PDB file of N, CA and C in Angstrom:
ATOM      1  N   UNK A   1      22.321  42.130 367.408  1.00  0.00           N
ATOM      2  CA  UNK A   1      22.040  41.789 366.030  1.00  0.00           C
ATOM      3  C   UNK A   1      22.192  43.035 365.168  1.00  0.00           C
ATOM      4  N   UNK A   2      22.972  42.926 364.144  1.00  0.00           N
ATOM      5  CA  UNK A   2      23.190  44.046 363.245  1.00  0.00           C
ATOM      6  C   UNK A   2      22.422  43.809 361.950  1.00  0.00           C
ATOM      7  N   UNK A   3      21.699  44.811 361.516  1.00  0.00           N
ATOM      8  CA  UNK A   3      20.908  44.694 360.303  1.00  0.00           C
ATOM      9  C   UNK A   3      21.744  45.091 359.091  1.00  0.00           C
ATOM     10  N   UNK A   4      21.513  44.422 357.988  1.00  0.00           N
ATOM     11  CA  UNK A   4      22.205  44.819 356.766  1.00  0.00           C
ATOM     12  C   UNK A   4      21.340  45.800 355.983  1.00  0.00           C
ATOM     13  N   UNK A   5      21.895  46.319 354.917  1.00  0.00           N
ATOM     14  CA  UNK A   5      21.201  47.337 354.126  1.00  0.00           C
ATOM     15  C   UNK A   5      19.855  46.826 353.626  1.00  0.00           C
ATOM     16  N   UNK A   6      19.794  45.608 353.137  1.00  0.00           N
ATOM     17  CA  UNK A   6      18.550  45.064 352.595  1.00  0.00           C
ATOM     18  C   UNK A   6      17.466  44.964 353.670  1.00  0.00           C
ATOM     19  N   UNK A   7      17.821  44.542 354.869  1.00  0.00           N
ATOM     20  CA  UNK A   7      16.850  44.449 355.961  1.00  0.00           C
ATOM     21  C   UNK A   7      16.329  45.833 356.343  1.00  0.00           C
ATOM     22  N   UNK A   8      17.213  46.789 356.366  1.00  0.00           N
ATOM     23  CA  UNK A   8      16.807  48.166 356.684  1.00  0.00           C
ATOM     24  C   UNK A   8      15.872  48.682 355.595  1.00  0.00           C
ATOM     25  N   UNK A   9      16.228  48.438 354.348  1.00  0.00           N
ATOM     26  CA  UNK A   9      15.398  48.881 353.228  1.00  0.00           C
ATOM     27  C   UNK A   9      14.007  48.228 353.282  1.00  0.00           C
ATOM     28  N   UNK A  10      13.948  46.938 353.582  1.00  0.00           N
ATOM     29  CA  UNK A  10      12.660  46.245 353.683  1.00  0.00           C
ATOM     30  C   UNK A  10      11.804  46.839 354.797  1.00  0.00           C
ATOM     31  N   UNK A  11      12.429  47.143 355.924  1.00  0.00           N
ATOM     32  CA  UNK A  11      11.695  47.751 357.030  1.00  0.00           C
ATOM     33  C   UNK A  11      11.172  49.128 356.633  1.00  0.00           C
ATOM     34  N   UNK A  12      12.003  49.924 355.983  1.00  0.00           N
ATOM     35  CA  UNK A  12      11.565  51.251 355.536  1.00  0.00           C
ATOM     36  C   UNK A  12      10.371  51.141 354.595  1.00  0.00           C
ATOM     37  N   UNK A  13      10.415  50.202 353.686  1.00  0.00           N
ATOM     38  CA  UNK A  13       9.319  49.994 352.748  1.00  0.00           C
ATOM     39  C   UNK A  13       8.043  49.575 353.477  1.00  0.00           C
ATOM     40  N   UNK A  14       8.192  48.707 354.465  1.00  0.00           N
ATOM     41  CA  UNK A  14       7.044  48.262 355.258  1.00  0.00           C
ATOM     42  C   UNK A  14       6.381  49.447 355.959  1.00  0.00           C
ATOM     43  N   UNK A  15       7.184  50.281 356.598  1.00  0.00           N
ATOM     44  CA  UNK A  15       6.650  51.448 357.318  1.00  0.00           C
ATOM     45  C   UNK A  15       5.998  52.416 356.336  1.00  0.00           C
ATOM     46  N   UNK A  16       6.634  52.685 355.198  1.00  0.00           N
ATOM     47  CA  UNK A  16       6.097  53.605 354.215  1.00  0.00           C
ATOM     48  C   UNK A  16       4.759  53.100 353.667  1.00  0.00           C
ATOM     49  N   UNK A  17       4.680  51.816 353.356  1.00  0.00           N
ATOM     50  CA  UNK A  17       3.433  51.246 352.837  1.00  0.00           C
ATOM     51  C   UNK A  17       2.316  51.306 353.892  1.00  0.00           C
ATOM     52  N   UNK A  18       2.670  51.044 355.141  1.00  0.00           N
ATOM     53  CA  UNK A  18       1.673  51.135 356.205  1.00  0.00           C
ATOM     54  C   UNK A  18       1.147  52.562 356.302  1.00  0.00           C
ATOM     55  N   UNK A  19       2.058  53.529 356.253  1.00  0.00           N
ATOM     56  CA  UNK A  19       1.648  54.936 356.329  1.00  0.00           C
ATOM     57  C   UNK A  19       0.747  55.305 355.147  1.00  0.00           C
ATOM     58  N   UNK A  20       1.094  54.862 353.954  1.00  0.00           N
ATOM     59  CA  UNK A  20       0.290  55.178 352.774  1.00  0.00           C
ATOM     60  C   UNK A  20      -1.132  54.619 352.901  1.00  0.00           C
ATOM     61  N   UNK A  21      -1.268  53.488 353.540  1.00  0.00           N
ATOM     62  CA  UNK A  21      -2.586  52.867 353.689  1.00  0.00           C
ATOM     63  C   UNK A  21      -3.360  53.381 354.893  1.00  0.00           C
ATOM     64  N   UNK A  22      -2.654  53.697 355.975  1.00  0.00           N
ATOM     65  CA  UNK A  22      -3.328  53.996 357.244  1.00  0.00           C
ATOM     66  C   UNK A  22      -2.988  55.368 357.834  1.00  0.00           C
ATOM     67  N   UNK A  23      -2.088  56.101 357.199  1.00  0.00           N
ATOM     68  CA  UNK A  23      -1.641  57.374 357.765  1.00  0.00           C
ATOM     69  C   UNK A  23      -2.771  58.381 357.885  1.00  0.00           C
ATOM     70  N   UNK A  24      -2.779  59.100 358.981  1.00  0.00           N
ATOM     71  CA  UNK A  24      -3.796  60.130 359.195  1.00  0.00           C
ATOM     72  C   UNK A  24      -3.326  61.446 358.590  1.00  0.00           C
ATOM     73  N   UNK A  25      -4.269  62.242 358.171  1.00  0.00           N
ATOM     74  CA  UNK A  25      -3.955  63.537 357.575  1.00  0.00           C
ATOM     75  C   UNK A  25      -4.023  64.615 358.654  1.00  0.00           C
ATOM     76  N   UNK A  26      -2.938  65.318 358.829  1.00  0.00           N
ATOM     77  CA  UNK A  26      -2.875  66.428 359.770  1.00  0.00           C
ATOM     78  C   UNK A  26      -2.386  67.667 359.028  1.00  0.00           C
ATOM     79  N   UNK A  27      -2.825  68.833 359.447  1.00  0.00           N
ATOM     80  CA  UNK A  27      -2.450  70.091 358.794  1.00  0.00           C
ATOM     81  C   UNK A  27      -0.935  70.265 358.737  1.00  0.00           C
ATOM     82  N   UNK A  28      -0.245  69.883 359.775  1.00  0.00           N
ATOM     83  CA  UNK A  28       1.197  70.100 359.825  1.00  0.00           C
ATOM     84  C   UNK A  28       1.960  69.153 358.899  1.00  0.00           C
ATOM     85  N   UNK A  29       1.364  68.082 358.469  1.00  0.00           N
ATOM     86  CA  UNK A  29       2.052  67.161 357.557  1.00  0.00           C
ATOM     87  C   UNK A  29       2.220  67.759 356.167  1.00  0.00           C
ATOM     88  N   UNK A  30       1.431  68.748 355.856  1.00  0.00           N
ATOM     89  CA  UNK A  30       1.495  69.371 354.540  1.00  0.00           C
ATOM     90  C   UNK A  30       2.132  70.756 354.614  1.00  0.00           C
ATOM     91  N   UNK A  31       2.614  71.109 355.762  1.00  0.00           N
ATOM     92  CA  UNK A  31       3.180  72.449 355.964  1.00  0.00           C
ATOM     93  C   UNK A  31       4.527  72.579 355.261  1.00  0.00           C
ATOM     94  N   UNK A  32       4.719  73.709 354.623  1.00  0.00           N
ATOM     95  CA  UNK A  32       6.017  74.041 354.040  1.00  0.00           C
ATOM     96  C   UNK A  32       6.612  75.265 354.719  1.00  0.00           C
ATOM     97  N   UNK A  33       5.764  75.970 355.453  1.00  0.00           N
ATOM     98  CA  UNK A  33       6.197  77.163 356.170  1.00  0.00           C
ATOM     99  C   UNK A  33       7.039  76.731 357.378  1.00  0.00           C
ATOM    100  N   UNK A  34       8.290  77.183 357.459  1.00  0.00           N
ATOM    101  CA  UNK A  34       9.154  76.772 358.580  1.00  0.00           C
ATOM    102  C   UNK A  34       8.552  77.092 359.955  1.00  0.00           C
ATOM    103  N   UNK A  35       7.825  78.185 360.059  1.00  0.00           N
ATOM    104  CA  UNK A  35       7.196  78.547 361.327  1.00  0.00           C
ATOM    105  C   UNK A  35       6.155  77.509 361.717  1.00  0.00           C
ATOM    106  N   UNK A  36       5.325  77.096 360.790  1.00  0.00           N
ATOM    107  CA  UNK A  36       4.290  76.093 361.074  1.00  0.00           C
ATOM    108  C   UNK A  36       4.924  74.765 361.489  1.00  0.00           C
ATOM    109  N   UNK A  37       6.002  74.405 360.837  1.00  0.00           N
ATOM    110  CA  UNK A  37       6.712  73.167 361.184  1.00  0.00           C
ATOM    111  C   UNK A  37       7.291  73.282 362.589  1.00  0.00           C
ATOM    112  N   UNK A  38       7.884  74.421 362.890  1.00  0.00           N
ATOM    113  CA  UNK A  38       8.462  74.670 364.214  1.00  0.00           C
ATOM    114  C   UNK A  38       7.402  74.540 365.303  1.00  0.00           C
ATOM    115  N   UNK A  39       6.255  75.153 365.084  1.00  0.00           N
ATOM    116  CA  UNK A  39       5.163  75.104 366.061  1.00  0.00           C
ATOM    117  C   UNK A  39       4.691  73.663 366.248  1.00  0.00           C
ATOM    118  N   UNK A  40       4.456  72.964 365.162  1.00  0.00           N
ATOM    119  CA  UNK A  40       3.940  71.592 365.270  1.00  0.00           C
ATOM    120  C   UNK A  40       4.936  70.678 365.973  1.00  0.00           C
ATOM    121  N   UNK A  41       6.209  70.826 365.694  1.00  0.00           N
ATOM    122  CA  UNK A  41       7.211  69.959 366.320  1.00  0.00           C
ATOM    123  C   UNK A  41       7.218  70.137 367.841  1.00  0.00           C
ATOM    124  N   UNK A  42       7.112  71.370 368.296  1.00  0.00           N
ATOM    125  CA  UNK A  42       7.105  71.609 369.740  1.00  0.00           C
ATOM    126  C   UNK A  42       5.787  71.138 370.351  1.00  0.00           C
ATOM    127  N   UNK A  43       4.693  71.409 369.682  1.00  0.00           N
ATOM    128  CA  UNK A  43       3.389  70.977 370.206  1.00  0.00           C
ATOM    129  C   UNK A  43       3.307  69.458 370.334  1.00  0.00           C
ATOM    130  N   UNK A  44       3.891  68.753 369.391  1.00  0.00           N
ATOM    131  CA  UNK A  44       3.772  67.291 369.358  1.00  0.00           C
ATOM    132  C   UNK A  44       4.685  66.581 370.353  1.00  0.00           C
ATOM    133  N   UNK A  45       5.548  67.312 371.014  1.00  0.00           N
ATOM    134  CA  UNK A  45       6.404  66.695 372.024  1.00  0.00           C
ATOM    135  C   UNK A  45       5.551  66.318 373.230  1.00  0.00           C
ATOM    136  N   UNK A  46       5.449  65.053 373.511  1.00  0.00           N
ATOM    137  CA  UNK A  46       4.747  64.520 374.683  1.00  0.00           C
ATOM    138  C   UNK A  46       3.264  64.930 374.734  1.00  0.00           C
ATOM    139  N   UNK A  47       2.665  65.141 373.561  1.00  0.00           N
ATOM    140  CA  UNK A  47       1.252  65.496 373.507  1.00  0.00           C
ATOM    141  C   UNK A  47       0.580  64.669 372.415  1.00  0.00           C
ATOM    142  N   UNK A  48      -0.584  64.136 372.715  1.00  0.00           N
ATOM    143  CA  UNK A  48      -1.313  63.329 371.742  1.00  0.00           C
ATOM    144  C   UNK A  48      -1.705  64.161 370.534  1.00  0.00           C
ATOM    145  N   UNK A  49      -1.652  63.517 369.370  1.00  0.00           N
ATOM    146  CA  UNK A  49      -1.946  64.241 368.133  1.00  0.00           C
ATOM    147  C   UNK A  49      -3.352  64.834 368.127  1.00  0.00           C
ATOM    148  N   UNK A  50      -4.314  64.152 368.728  1.00  0.00           N
ATOM    149  CA  UNK A  50      -5.672  64.696 368.708  1.00  0.00           C
ATOM    150  C   UNK A  50      -5.772  65.989 369.504  1.00  0.00           C
ATOM    151  N   UNK A  51      -4.957  66.147 370.536  1.00  0.00           N
ATOM    152  CA  UNK A  51      -4.952  67.411 371.284  1.00  0.00           C
ATOM    153  C   UNK A  51      -4.297  68.519 370.457  1.00  0.00           C
ATOM    154  N   UNK A  52      -3.211  68.165 369.778  1.00  0.00           N
ATOM    155  CA  UNK A  52      -2.523  69.153 368.945  1.00  0.00           C
ATOM    156  C   UNK A  52      -3.410  69.560 367.777  1.00  0.00           C
ATOM    157  N   UNK A  53      -4.098  68.604 367.212  1.00  0.00           N
ATOM    158  CA  UNK A  53      -4.975  68.868 366.075  1.00  0.00           C
ATOM    159  C   UNK A  53      -5.992  69.964 366.411  1.00  0.00           C
ATOM    160  N   UNK A  54      -6.488  69.950 367.621  1.00  0.00           N
ATOM    161  CA  UNK A  54      -7.478  70.944 368.048  1.00  0.00           C
ATOM    162  C   UNK A  54      -6.867  72.324 368.258  1.00  0.00           C
ATOM    163  N   UNK A  55      -5.585  72.380 368.609  1.00  0.00           N
ATOM    164  CA  UNK A  55      -4.971  73.650 368.987  1.00  0.00           C
ATOM    165  C   UNK A  55      -4.087  74.268 367.896  1.00  0.00           C
ATOM    166  N   UNK A  56      -3.623  73.481 366.949  1.00  0.00           N
ATOM    167  CA  UNK A  56      -2.656  73.942 365.960  1.00  0.00           C
ATOM    168  C   UNK A  56      -3.160  75.173 365.193  1.00  0.00           C
ATOM    169  N   UNK A  57      -4.326  75.073 364.592  1.00  0.00           N
ATOM    170  CA  UNK A  57      -4.868  76.195 363.817  1.00  0.00           C
ATOM    171  C   UNK A  57      -5.176  77.393 364.705  1.00  0.00           C
ATOM    172  N   UNK A  58      -5.711  77.137 365.890  1.00  0.00           N
ATOM    173  CA  UNK A  58      -6.006  78.231 366.828  1.00  0.00           C
ATOM    174  C   UNK A  58      -4.730  78.995 367.176  1.00  0.00           C
ATOM    175  N   UNK A  59      -3.662  78.256 367.425  1.00  0.00           N
ATOM    176  CA  UNK A  59      -2.390  78.868 367.780  1.00  0.00           C
ATOM    177  C   UNK A  59      -1.873  79.725 366.621  1.00  0.00           C
ATOM    178  N   UNK A  60      -1.960  79.194 365.414  1.00  0.00           N
ATOM    179  CA  UNK A  60      -1.488  79.951 364.248  1.00  0.00           C
ATOM    180  C   UNK A  60      -2.340  81.181 363.974  1.00  0.00           C
ATOM    181  N   UNK A  61      -3.613  81.109 364.301  1.00  0.00           N
ATOM    182  CA  UNK A  61      -4.468  82.297 364.145  1.00  0.00           C
ATOM    183  C   UNK A  61      -4.064  83.375 365.154  1.00  0.00           C
ATOM    184  N   UNK A  62      -3.754  82.960 366.370  1.00  0.00           N
ATOM    185  CA  UNK A  62      -3.377  83.917 367.415  1.00  0.00           C
ATOM    186  C   UNK A  62      -1.976  84.473 367.194  1.00  0.00           C
ATOM    187  N   UNK A  63      -1.075  83.609 366.734  1.00  0.00           N
ATOM    188  CA  UNK A  63       0.337  83.984 366.548  1.00  0.00           C
ATOM    189  C   UNK A  63       0.790  83.489 365.176  1.00  0.00           C
ATOM    190  N   UNK A  64       0.500  84.228 364.119  1.00  0.00           N
ATOM    191  CA  UNK A  64       0.746  83.735 362.764  1.00  0.00           C
ATOM    192  C   UNK A  64       2.208  83.759 362.306  1.00  0.00           C
ATOM    193  N   UNK A  65       3.071  84.430 363.048  1.00  0.00           N
ATOM    194  CA  UNK A  65       4.472  84.561 362.630  1.00  0.00           C
ATOM    195  C   UNK A  65       5.396  84.437 363.837  1.00  0.00           C
ATOM    196  N   UNK A  66       6.680  84.247 363.549  1.00  0.00           N
ATOM    197  CA  UNK A  66       7.675  84.247 364.621  1.00  0.00           C
ATOM    198  C   UNK A  66       7.608  85.569 365.387  1.00  0.00           C
ATOM    199  N   UNK A  67       7.441  86.657 364.660  1.00  0.00           N
ATOM    200  CA  UNK A  67       7.419  87.981 365.278  1.00  0.00           C
ATOM    201  C   UNK A  67       6.234  88.151 366.225  1.00  0.00           C
ATOM    202  N   UNK A  68       5.059  87.702 365.798  1.00  0.00           N
ATOM    203  CA  UNK A  68       3.877  87.853 366.662  1.00  0.00           C
ATOM    204  C   UNK A  68       4.003  86.980 367.907  1.00  0.00           C
ATOM    205  N   UNK A  69       4.553  85.801 367.768  1.00  0.00           N
ATOM    206  CA  UNK A  69       4.780  84.944 368.931  1.00  0.00           C
ATOM    207  C   UNK A  69       5.829  85.559 369.849  1.00  0.00           C
ATOM    208  N   UNK A  70       6.872  86.110 369.273  1.00  0.00           N
ATOM    209  CA  UNK A  70       7.943  86.727 370.062  1.00  0.00           C
ATOM    210  C   UNK A  70       7.415  87.896 370.901  1.00  0.00           C
ATOM    211  N   UNK A  71       6.459  88.654 370.367  1.00  0.00           N
ATOM    212  CA  UNK A  71       5.923  89.842 371.060  1.00  0.00           C
ATOM    213  C   UNK A  71       4.756  89.536 371.992  1.00  0.00           C
ATOM    214  N   UNK A  72       4.231  88.339 371.938  1.00  0.00           N
ATOM    215  CA  UNK A  72       3.027  88.004 372.725  1.00  0.00           C
ATOM    216  C   UNK A  72       3.297  88.098 374.220  1.00  0.00           C
ATOM    217  N   UNK A  73       2.263  88.453 374.954  1.00  0.00           N
ATOM    218  CA  UNK A  73       2.384  88.440 376.414  1.00  0.00           C
ATOM    219  C   UNK A  73       2.353  86.984 376.873  1.00  0.00           C
ATOM    220  N   UNK A  74       2.967  86.722 377.998  1.00  0.00           N
ATOM    221  CA  UNK A  74       2.961  85.367 378.554  1.00  0.00           C
ATOM    222  C   UNK A  74       1.523  84.938 378.828  1.00  0.00           C
ATOM    223  N   UNK A  75       0.725  85.856 379.293  1.00  0.00           N
ATOM    224  CA  UNK A  75      -0.684  85.546 379.580  1.00  0.00           C
ATOM    225  C   UNK A  75      -1.422  85.078 378.321  1.00  0.00           C
ATOM    226  N   UNK A  76      -1.255  85.823 377.218  1.00  0.00           N
ATOM    227  CA  UNK A  76      -1.909  85.442 375.967  1.00  0.00           C
ATOM    228  C   UNK A  76      -1.373  84.112 375.444  1.00  0.00           C
ATOM    229  N   UNK A  77      -0.068  83.957 375.521  1.00  0.00           N
ATOM    230  CA  UNK A  77       0.560  82.717 375.057  1.00  0.00           C
ATOM    231  C   UNK A  77       0.010  81.511 375.804  1.00  0.00           C
ATOM    232  N   UNK A  78       0.011  81.581 377.125  1.00  0.00           N
ATOM    233  CA  UNK A  78      -0.451  80.440 377.916  1.00  0.00           C
ATOM    234  C   UNK A  78      -1.948  80.219 377.785  1.00  0.00           C
ATOM    235  N   UNK A  79      -2.685  81.285 377.510  1.00  0.00           N
ATOM    236  CA  UNK A  79      -4.121  81.144 377.297  1.00  0.00           C
ATOM    237  C   UNK A  79      -4.396  80.305 376.043  1.00  0.00           C
ATOM    238  N   UNK A  80      -3.674  80.572 374.974  1.00  0.00           N
ATOM    239  CA  UNK A  80      -3.858  79.812 373.736  1.00  0.00           C
ATOM    240  C   UNK A  80      -3.267  78.411 373.880  1.00  0.00           C
ATOM    241  N   UNK A  81      -2.190  78.279 374.621  1.00  0.00           N
ATOM    242  CA  UNK A  81      -1.518  76.994 374.812  1.00  0.00           C
ATOM    243  C   UNK A  81      -2.332  76.034 375.678  1.00  0.00           C
ATOM    244  N   UNK A  82      -3.250  76.575 376.474  1.00  0.00           N
ATOM    245  CA  UNK A  82      -4.012  75.774 377.434  1.00  0.00           C
ATOM    246  C   UNK A  82      -4.595  74.523 376.772  1.00  0.00           C
ATOM    247  N   UNK A  83      -4.397  73.386 377.437  1.00  0.00           N
ATOM    248  CA  UNK A  83      -4.886  72.121 376.921  1.00  0.00           C
ATOM    249  C   UNK A  83      -3.798  71.262 376.315  1.00  0.00           C
ATOM    250  N   UNK A  84      -2.617  71.863 376.078  1.00  0.00           N
ATOM    251  CA  UNK A  84      -1.504  71.099 375.518  1.00  0.00           C
ATOM    252  C   UNK A  84      -0.546  70.597 376.590  1.00  0.00           C
ATOM    253  N   UNK A  85      -0.693  71.093 377.809  1.00  0.00           N
ATOM    254  CA  UNK A  85       0.163  70.650 378.907  1.00  0.00           C
ATOM    255  C   UNK A  85       1.587  71.181 378.800  1.00  0.00           C
ATOM    256  N   UNK A  86       2.339  70.951 379.852  1.00  0.00           N
ATOM    257  CA  UNK A  86       3.757  71.341 379.893  1.00  0.00           C
ATOM    258  C   UNK A  86       3.957  72.783 379.411  1.00  0.00           C
ATOM    259  N   UNK A  87       3.445  73.729 380.179  1.00  0.00           N
ATOM    260  CA  UNK A  87       3.517  75.144 379.794  1.00  0.00           C
ATOM    261  C   UNK A  87       4.928  75.625 379.522  1.00  0.00           C
ATOM    262  N   UNK A  88       5.900  74.953 380.106  1.00  0.00           N
ATOM    263  CA  UNK A  88       7.290  75.356 379.879  1.00  0.00           C
ATOM    264  C   UNK A  88       7.638  75.278 378.392  1.00  0.00           C
ATOM    265  N   UNK A  89       7.039  74.324 377.691  1.00  0.00           N
ATOM    266  CA  UNK A  89       7.293  74.217 376.248  1.00  0.00           C
ATOM    267  C   UNK A  89       6.840  75.477 375.521  1.00  0.00           C
ATOM    268  N   UNK A  90       5.708  76.025 375.924  1.00  0.00           N
ATOM    269  CA  UNK A  90       5.224  77.256 375.296  1.00  0.00           C
ATOM    270  C   UNK A  90       6.207  78.399 375.537  1.00  0.00           C
ATOM    271  N   UNK A  91       6.744  78.459 376.737  1.00  0.00           N
ATOM    272  CA  UNK A  91       7.704  79.520 377.047  1.00  0.00           C
ATOM    273  C   UNK A  91       8.997  79.344 376.263  1.00  0.00           C
ATOM    274  N   UNK A  92       9.465  78.113 376.118  1.00  0.00           N
ATOM    275  CA  UNK A  92      10.651  77.846 375.306  1.00  0.00           C
ATOM    276  C   UNK A  92      10.376  78.120 373.827  1.00  0.00           C
ATOM    277  N   UNK A  93       9.183  77.818 373.397  1.00  0.00           N
ATOM    278  CA  UNK A  93       8.775  78.091 372.032  1.00  0.00           C
ATOM    279  C   UNK A  93       8.863  79.595 371.768  1.00  0.00           C
ATOM    280  N   UNK A  94       8.377  80.355 372.720  1.00  0.00           N
ATOM    281  CA  UNK A  94       8.436  81.824 372.572  1.00  0.00           C
ATOM    282  C   UNK A  94       9.881  82.315 372.584  1.00  0.00           C
ATOM    283  N   UNK A  95      10.697  81.766 373.462  1.00  0.00           N
ATOM    284  CA  UNK A  95      12.119  82.181 373.482  1.00  0.00           C
ATOM    285  C   UNK A  95      12.790  81.867 372.155  1.00  0.00           C
ATOM    286  N   UNK A  96      12.458  80.719 371.580  1.00  0.00           N
ATOM    287  CA  UNK A  96      12.996  80.381 370.249  1.00  0.00           C
ATOM    288  C   UNK A  96      12.539  81.381 369.212  1.00  0.00           C
ATOM    289  N   UNK A  97      11.274  81.748 369.260  1.00  0.00           N
ATOM    290  CA  UNK A  97      10.733  82.738 368.316  1.00  0.00           C
ATOM    291  C   UNK A  97      11.414  84.091 368.497  1.00  0.00           C
ATOM    292  N   UNK A  98      11.703  84.452 369.730  1.00  0.00           N
ATOM    293  CA  UNK A  98      12.385  85.730 370.001  1.00  0.00           C
ATOM    294  C   UNK A  98      13.778  85.730 369.410  1.00  0.00           C
ATOM    295  N   UNK A  99      14.466  84.629 369.507  1.00  0.00           N
ATOM    296  CA  UNK A  99      15.820  84.548 368.935  1.00  0.00           C
ATOM    297  C   UNK A  99      15.767  84.606 367.407  1.00  0.00           C
ATOM    298  N   UNK A 100      14.789  83.943 366.845  1.00  0.00           N
ATOM    299  CA  UNK A 100      14.658  83.917 365.383  1.00  0.00           C
ATOM    300  C   UNK A 100      14.230  85.277 364.858  1.00  0.00           C
ATOM    301  N   UNK A 101      13.269  85.910 365.547  1.00  0.00           N
ATOM    302  CA  UNK A 101      12.773  87.222 365.107  1.00  0.00           C
ATOM    303  C   UNK A 101      13.846  88.280 365.293  1.00  0.00           C
TER     304      UNK A 101
END
């Protein structure tokens, strides 16, 4: 079944209205800083939002910039990452920060 433009538009409106009425407020939803967006996107991969919500600010306090994350020891990184699961994501996150920095 192929949807036409009007059906797609109606669905988009439905989702947007639902979000406006029921959407939860998270710190990363209001982020404009590319680093904060980068961190939240990686944290939210395969992790429940309530777990990320608890760790997002802590992570930014420990590693406030791409540069600080790039220079962090693996031990410190994984210590702050603890509770988010899939430690490999933290290591890839750091490698990304190293390339950017």
